[in-house]
Amino acid sequence: MALQADERVVLPSVGTFADGVAVAQIGAHGFEVCRFCVNDVITVSNDELCIATKNIYDDTRSITEPSGALAVAGIKKYVARTGVRGQTLIAIDSGANINFDMLRHVAERAAAVCA
């Protein structure tokens, strides 16, 4: 929203599922970096975050939090949307702050969506 408005905006509400990236307003420096460097934005749903979390676990046996799975979910959506092939894409997963209740919810959502 801020990039579309070309100014920092305050969101009226912020979901907490991916709480590591949940902010009501982007910082001034971060916004300026994004204005200069970002040319496209991909949004993902909570279900897509759950699936990415499961994919990361299936591939690496590492458990990540939804915020950590955000980049993987975004790349998966980008590949599906563009059909890109034969390129190296990199996602940085930097979050492992997840409790068992959240992990159970993520596993249940991923199983329901993938069924």
Protein backbone atom coordinates (compact mmCIF):
# COMPACT_ATOMS: atom_id res chain seq x y z
CA MET A 1 0.00 0.00 0.00
CA ALA A 2 2.79 2.44 0.85
CA LEU A 3 4.53 1.91 -2.49
CA GLN A 4 1.26 2.46 -4.36
CA ALA A 5 0.59 5.63 -2.36
CA ASP A 6 4.25 6.70 -2.74
CA GLU A 7 4.31 7.54 0.96
CA ARG A 8 4.33 5.74 4.28
CA VAL A 9 0.84 4.77 5.36
CA VAL A 10 -0.59 3.48 8.62
CA LEU A 11 -2.60 0.29 8.28
CA PRO A 12 -5.88 0.28 10.22
CA SER A 13 -5.27 -3.28 11.42
CA VAL A 14 -2.43 -5.76 11.27
CA GLY A 15 -2.76 -9.55 11.37
CA THR A 16 -0.49 -11.36 13.78
CA PHE A 17 -0.15 -14.76 12.10
CA ALA A 18 3.26 -13.79 10.72
CA ASP A 19 3.99 -11.57 13.70
CA GLY A 20 7.67 -11.13 12.87
CA VAL A 21 6.72 -8.96 9.88
CA ALA A 22 3.46 -7.50 11.21
CA VAL A 23 3.84 -3.73 11.41
CA ALA A 24 1.25 -0.99 11.08
CA GLN A 25 3.70 1.35 9.34
CA ILE A 26 6.98 0.74 7.55
CA GLY A 27 9.97 2.60 8.93
CA ALA A 28 11.23 5.69 7.11
CA HIS A 29 14.56 4.15 6.06
CA GLY A 30 12.99 0.85 5.00
CA PHE A 31 10.43 2.72 2.93
CA GLU A 32 13.12 4.71 1.10
CA VAL A 33 15.06 1.52 0.35
CA CYS A 34 11.89 -0.13 -1.00
CA ARG A 35 11.04 2.92 -3.14
CA PHE A 36 14.46 2.66 -4.76
CA CYS A 37 14.87 -1.13 -5.00
CA VAL A 38 11.43 -2.77 -5.22
CA ASN A 39 9.64 -3.01 -8.55
CA ASP A 40 7.01 -5.64 -7.68
CA VAL A 41 5.22 -6.88 -4.59
CA ILE A 42 3.74 -10.32 -4.03
CA THR A 43 1.28 -10.95 -1.22
CA VAL A 44 0.62 -14.39 0.22
CA SER A 45 -2.18 -15.79 2.35
CA ASN A 46 -1.87 -17.46 5.73
CA ASP A 47 -2.60 -20.78 4.01
CA GLU A 48 0.28 -20.18 1.59
CA LEU A 49 2.52 -19.50 4.60
CA CYS A 50 1.41 -22.78 6.18
CA ILE A 51 2.17 -24.70 2.99
CA ALA A 52 5.60 -23.04 2.68
CA THR A 53 6.34 -23.89 6.33
CA LYS A 54 5.47 -27.53 5.62
CA ASN A 55 7.55 -27.52 2.41
CA ILE A 56 10.56 -26.16 4.30
CA TYR A 57 10.17 -28.88 6.92
CA ASP A 58 9.72 -31.61 4.30
CA ASP A 59 12.83 -30.44 2.40
CA THR A 60 15.18 -29.58 5.27
CA ARG A 61 13.68 -31.03 8.47
CA SER A 62 13.89 -27.48 9.88
CA ILE A 63 10.92 -25.87 11.59
CA THR A 64 10.36 -22.22 10.76
CA GLU A 65 7.83 -19.67 11.88
CA PRO A 66 5.36 -18.18 9.37
CA SER A 67 7.44 -14.99 9.07
CA GLY A 68 10.46 -17.11 8.19
CA ALA A 69 8.48 -18.95 5.51
CA LEU A 70 7.34 -15.70 3.89
CA ALA A 71 10.11 -15.56 1.29
CA VAL A 72 9.57 -19.20 0.26
CA ALA A 73 5.82 -18.63 -0.07
CA GLY A 74 6.48 -15.54 -2.18
CA ILE A 75 8.90 -17.34 -4.49
CA LYS A 76 6.46 -20.23 -4.94
CA LYS A 77 3.72 -17.76 -5.90
CA TYR A 78 6.07 -15.87 -8.23
CA VAL A 79 7.07 -19.09 -10.01
CA ALA A 80 3.42 -20.15 -10.34
CA ARG A 81 2.42 -16.72 -11.65
CA THR A 82 5.27 -16.22 -14.12
CA GLY A 83 6.18 -19.79 -15.06
CA VAL A 84 9.86 -18.92 -14.66
CA ARG A 85 12.19 -21.89 -15.15
CA GLY A 86 15.95 -22.39 -15.31
CA GLN A 87 16.80 -19.57 -12.89
CA THR A 88 18.26 -19.65 -9.43
CA LEU A 89 15.92 -18.07 -6.90
CA ILE A 90 16.97 -17.51 -3.29
CA ALA A 91 14.78 -17.19 -0.20
CA ILE A 92 16.20 -16.27 3.19
CA ASP A 93 14.46 -18.08 6.05
CA SER A 94 15.45 -16.37 9.26
CA GLY A 95 12.76 -17.26 11.75
CA ALA A 96 12.36 -20.19 14.11
CA ASN A 97 10.25 -18.60 16.84
CA ILE A 98 7.21 -20.90 16.80
CA ASN A 99 5.42 -22.61 19.66
CA PHE A 100 3.69 -25.99 19.58
CA ASP A 101 0.18 -24.51 19.40
CA MET A 102 1.10 -22.45 16.34
CA LEU A 103 2.95 -25.41 14.84
CA ARG A 104 -0.13 -27.59 15.23
CA HIS A 105 -2.28 -24.92 13.54
CA VAL A 106 0.22 -24.58 10.66
CA ALA A 107 0.33 -28.36 10.17
CA GLU A 108 -3.47 -28.64 10.20
CA ARG A 109 -3.91 -25.76 7.71
CA ALA A 110 -1.23 -27.12 5.37
CA ALA A 111 -2.81 -30.58 5.44
CA ALA A 112 -6.30 -29.16 4.79
CA VAL A 113 -5.17 -26.99 1.88
CA CYS A 114 -3.05 -29.72 0.29
CA ALA A 115 -5.73 -32.43 0.65
